[in-house]
C-alpha atoms as a PDB file:
ATOM      1  CA  MET A   1       0.000   0.000   0.000  1.00  0.00           C
ATOM      2  CA  ALA A   2       1.322   3.457  -0.940  1.00  0.00           C
ATOM      3  CA  ARG A   3       2.242   5.847   1.824  1.00  0.00           C
ATOM      4  CA  ILE A   4       1.164   9.463   1.657  1.00  0.00           C
ATOM      5  CA  LYS A   5       3.440  12.028   3.248  1.00  0.00           C
ATOM      6  CA  ILE A   6       1.686  14.647   5.354  1.00  0.00           C
ATOM      7  CA  CYS A   7       2.554  18.352   5.323  1.00  0.00           C
ATOM      8  CA  ARG A   8       5.283  19.351   7.814  1.00  0.00           C
ATOM      9  CA  GLU A   9       3.259  22.328   9.021  1.00  0.00           C
ATOM     10  CA  GLU A  10       1.899  21.742  12.507  1.00  0.00           C
ATOM     11  CA  GLY A  11      -1.808  20.958  12.465  1.00  0.00           C
ATOM     12  CA  CYS A  12      -2.026  20.471   8.686  1.00  0.00           C
ATOM     13  CA  GLN A  13      -3.242  17.098   7.479  1.00  0.00           C
ATOM     14  CA  ASP A  14      -2.959  17.744   3.725  1.00  0.00           C
ATOM     15  CA  ALA A  15      -0.697  15.656   1.508  1.00  0.00           C
ATOM     16  CA  ALA A  16       2.838  16.972   1.105  1.00  0.00           C
ATOM     17  CA  THR A  17       3.437  17.811  -2.546  1.00  0.00           C
ATOM     18  CA  THR A  18       6.573  19.945  -2.568  1.00  0.00           C
ATOM     19  CA  GLY A  19       9.507  20.082  -0.191  1.00  0.00           C
ATOM     20  CA  GLY A  20       7.592  18.294   2.545  1.00  0.00           C
ATOM     21  CA  TYR A  21       4.775  20.861   2.553  1.00  0.00           C
ATOM     22  CA  CYS A  22       1.313  21.021   0.994  1.00  0.00           C
ATOM     23  CA  ARG A  23       0.887  23.609  -1.779  1.00  0.00           C
ATOM     24  CA  LEU A  24      -0.485  26.270   0.535  1.00  0.00           C
ATOM     25  CA  HIS A  25       2.249  26.029   3.172  1.00  0.00           C
ATOM     26  CA  TYR A  26       4.998  25.741   0.563  1.00  0.00           C
ATOM     27  CA  LEU A  27       3.874  29.047  -0.942  1.00  0.00           C
ATOM     28  CA  ARG A  28       3.676  30.653   2.486  1.00  0.00           C
ATOM     29  CA  ARG A  29       7.219  29.538   3.354  1.00  0.00           C
ATOM     30  CA  TRP A  30       8.702  30.077  -0.090  1.00  0.00           C
ATOM     31  CA  LYS A  31      11.109  32.888   0.903  1.00  0.00           C
ATOM     32  CA  GLU A  32      12.267  30.987   3.973  1.00  0.00           C
ATOM     33  CA  ILE A  33      12.853  27.818   1.912  1.00  0.00           C
ATOM     34  CA  ARG A  34      14.711  29.793  -0.739  1.00  0.00           C
ATOM     35  CA  ALA A  35      17.012  31.383   1.858  1.00  0.00           C
ATOM     36  CA  SER A  36      17.700  27.956   3.321  1.00  0.00           C
ATOM     37  CA  LYS A  37      18.640  26.611  -0.121  1.00  0.00           C
ATOM     38  CA  LYS A  38      21.082  29.513  -0.605  1.00  0.00           C
ATOM     39  CA  ARG A  39      22.724  28.797   2.761  1.00  0.00           C
ATOM     40  CA  THR A  40      23.016  25.113   1.877  1.00  0.00           C
ATOM     41  CA  ALA A  41      24.582  25.941  -1.493  1.00  0.00           C
ATOM     42  CA  ALA A  42      27.137  28.204   0.204  1.00  0.00           C
ATOM     43  CA  LYS A  43      28.013  25.445   2.674  1.00  0.00           C
ATOM     44  CA  LYS A  44      28.522  22.959  -0.176  1.00  0.00           C
ATOM     45  CA  LEU A  45      30.789  25.395  -1.979  1.00  0.00           C
ATOM     46  CA  ASN A  46      32.806  26.060   1.185  1.00  0.00           C
ATOM     47  CA  ARG A  47      33.261  22.317   1.806  1.00  0.00           C
ATOM     48  CA  TYR A  48      34.448  21.856  -1.769  1.00  0.00           C
ATOM     49  CA  ILE A  49      36.942  24.750  -1.567  1.00  0.00           C
ATOM     50  CA  GLU A  50      38.272  23.595   1.819  1.00  0.00           C
ATOM     51  CA  ARG A  51      38.795  20.061   0.528  1.00  0.00           C
ATOM     52  CA  VAL A  52      40.569  21.241  -2.635  1.00  0.00           C
ATOM     53  CA  CYS A  53      42.824  23.562  -0.604  1.00  0.00           C
ATOM     54  CA  ARG A  54      43.617  20.793   1.875  1.00  0.00           C
ATOM     55  CA  GLU A  55      44.459  18.229  -0.844  1.00  0.00           C
ATOM     56  CA  ASN A  56      46.277  20.640  -3.199  1.00  0.00           C
ATOM     57  CA  PRO A  57      47.785  23.463  -1.130  1.00  0.00           C
ATOM     58  CA  ASP A  58      50.196  24.554  -3.867  1.00  0.00           C
ATOM     59  CA  ASP A  59      47.988  24.545  -6.947  1.00  0.00           C
ATOM     60  CA  TYR A  60      44.431  24.751  -5.617  1.00  0.00           C
ATOM     61  CA  ALA A  61      43.504  27.563  -8.028  1.00  0.00           C
ATOM     62  CA  GLU A  62      44.412  25.411 -11.049  1.00  0.00           C
ATOM     63  CA  VAL A  63      42.414  22.463  -9.674  1.00  0.00           C
ATOM     64  CA  ILE A  64      39.357  24.668  -9.174  1.00  0.00           C
ATOM     65  CA  LYS A  65      39.674  26.107 -12.724  1.00  0.00           C
ATOM     66  CA  ARG A  66      39.989  22.599 -14.166  1.00  0.00           C
ATOM     67  CA  ASP A  67      36.957  21.391 -12.188  1.00  0.00           C
ATOM     68  CA  LEU A  68      34.830  24.351 -13.319  1.00  0.00           C
ATOM     69  CA  GLN A  69      35.598  23.557 -16.965  1.00  0.00           C
ATOM     70  CA  ASN A  70      34.438  19.958 -16.499  1.00  0.00           C
ATOM     71  CA  PRO A  71      30.866  19.513 -17.826  1.00  0.00           C
ATOM     72  CA  ASP A  72      30.114  17.006 -15.037  1.00  0.00           C
ATOM     73  CA  PHE A  73      31.054  19.448 -12.273  1.00  0.00           C
ATOM     74  CA  ASP A  74      27.482  19.944 -10.984  1.00  0.00           C
ATOM     75  CA  SER A  75      26.858  16.234 -10.573  1.00  0.00           C
ATOM     76  CA  TYR A  76      30.293  15.867  -8.937  1.00  0.00           C
ATOM     77  CA  ILE A  77      29.382  18.487  -6.323  1.00  0.00           C
ATOM     78  CA  GLU A  78      26.005  16.865  -5.627  1.00  0.00           C
ATOM     79  CA  ASP A  79      27.550  13.396  -5.328  1.00  0.00           C
ATOM     80  CA  ASN A  80      30.361  14.455  -3.015  1.00  0.00           C
ATOM     81  CA  PHE A  81      28.849  17.266  -0.990  1.00  0.00           C
ATOM     82  CA  GLY A  82      25.172  16.383  -0.731  1.00  0.00           C
ATOM     83  CA  THR A  83      22.028  16.924  -2.719  1.00  0.00           C
ATOM     84  CA  GLU A  84      18.797  18.741  -2.131  1.00  0.00           C
ATOM     85  CA  GLU A  85      15.296  17.605  -2.841  1.00  0.00           C
ATOM     86  CA  ALA A  86      14.064  18.901  -6.188  1.00  0.00           C
ATOM     87  CA  GLU A  87      11.533  21.643  -5.636  1.00  0.00           C
ATOM     88  CA  LEU A  88       9.449  23.960  -7.740  1.00  0.00           C
ATOM     89  CA  GLN A  89      11.243  27.089  -8.821  1.00  0.00           C
ATOM     90  CA  PHE A  90       9.627  30.511  -8.632  1.00  0.00           C
ATOM     91  CA  ASP A  91      10.785  33.696 -10.239  1.00  0.00           C
ATOM     92  CA  ALA A  92      13.261  35.408  -7.927  1.00  0.00           C
ATOM     93  CA  GLU A  93      11.628  38.741  -8.694  1.00  0.00           C
ATOM     94  CA  ALA A  94       8.212  37.620  -7.404  1.00  0.00           C
ATOM     95  CA  SER A  95       6.973  40.059  -4.832  1.00  0.00           C
ATOM     96  CA  GLU A  96       5.406  39.258  -1.496  1.00  0.00           C
ATOM     97  CA  GLU A  97       2.107  40.657  -2.794  1.00  0.00           C
ATOM     98  CA  GLU A  98       2.113  38.276  -5.767  1.00  0.00           C
ATOM     99  CA  ILE A  99       2.661  35.284  -3.504  1.00  0.00           C
ATOM    100  CA  GLU A 100      -0.094  36.409  -1.141  1.00  0.00           C
ATOM    101  CA  GLU A 101      -2.441  36.832  -4.128  1.00  0.00           C
ATOM    102  CA  ILE A 102      -1.720  33.260  -5.241  1.00  0.00           C
ATOM    103  CA  ILE A 103      -2.432  31.990  -1.735  1.00  0.00           C
ATOM    104  CA  ARG A 104      -5.715  33.935  -1.572  1.00  0.00           C
ATOM    105  CA  ARG A 105      -6.866  32.484  -4.888  1.00  0.00           C
ATOM    106  CA  LEU A 106      -6.181  28.875  -3.946  1.00  0.00           C
ATOM    107  CA  LYS A 107      -9.384  26.898  -3.796  1.00  0.00           C
ATOM    108  CA  ILE A 108      -9.770  25.279  -0.391  1.00  0.00           C
ATOM    109  CA  GLU A 109     -12.303  22.474  -0.336  1.00  0.00           C
ATOM    110  CA  GLU A 110     -14.797  22.083   2.477  1.00  0.00           C
ATOM    111  CA  GLY A 111     -13.670  19.750   5.225  1.00  0.00           C
ATOM    112  CA  PHE A 112     -10.056  20.979   5.317  1.00  0.00           C
END
């Protein structure tokens, strides 16, 4: 029997569709989730740089340049420094008002 994941938001019993949240709570927490993803990306980059500097103290700049030119660099970073759950992407220029308007227009069925 298939398992349905429930939204992480306290008190919400809707099915989790994106990033562990239901659609409504994902939209409400979008900025917070986005900031968290940026912090995680910075941590991955720092771990990569520290490892390269530790393993190649004399020519770390050349190693980094060579790695950046490699077409498989993104998958290398994900494999060695962690991955994130794929999530919907929103336009970075979306304003708070636009997000609130989307939330207001969501159809909420009776009984929820």
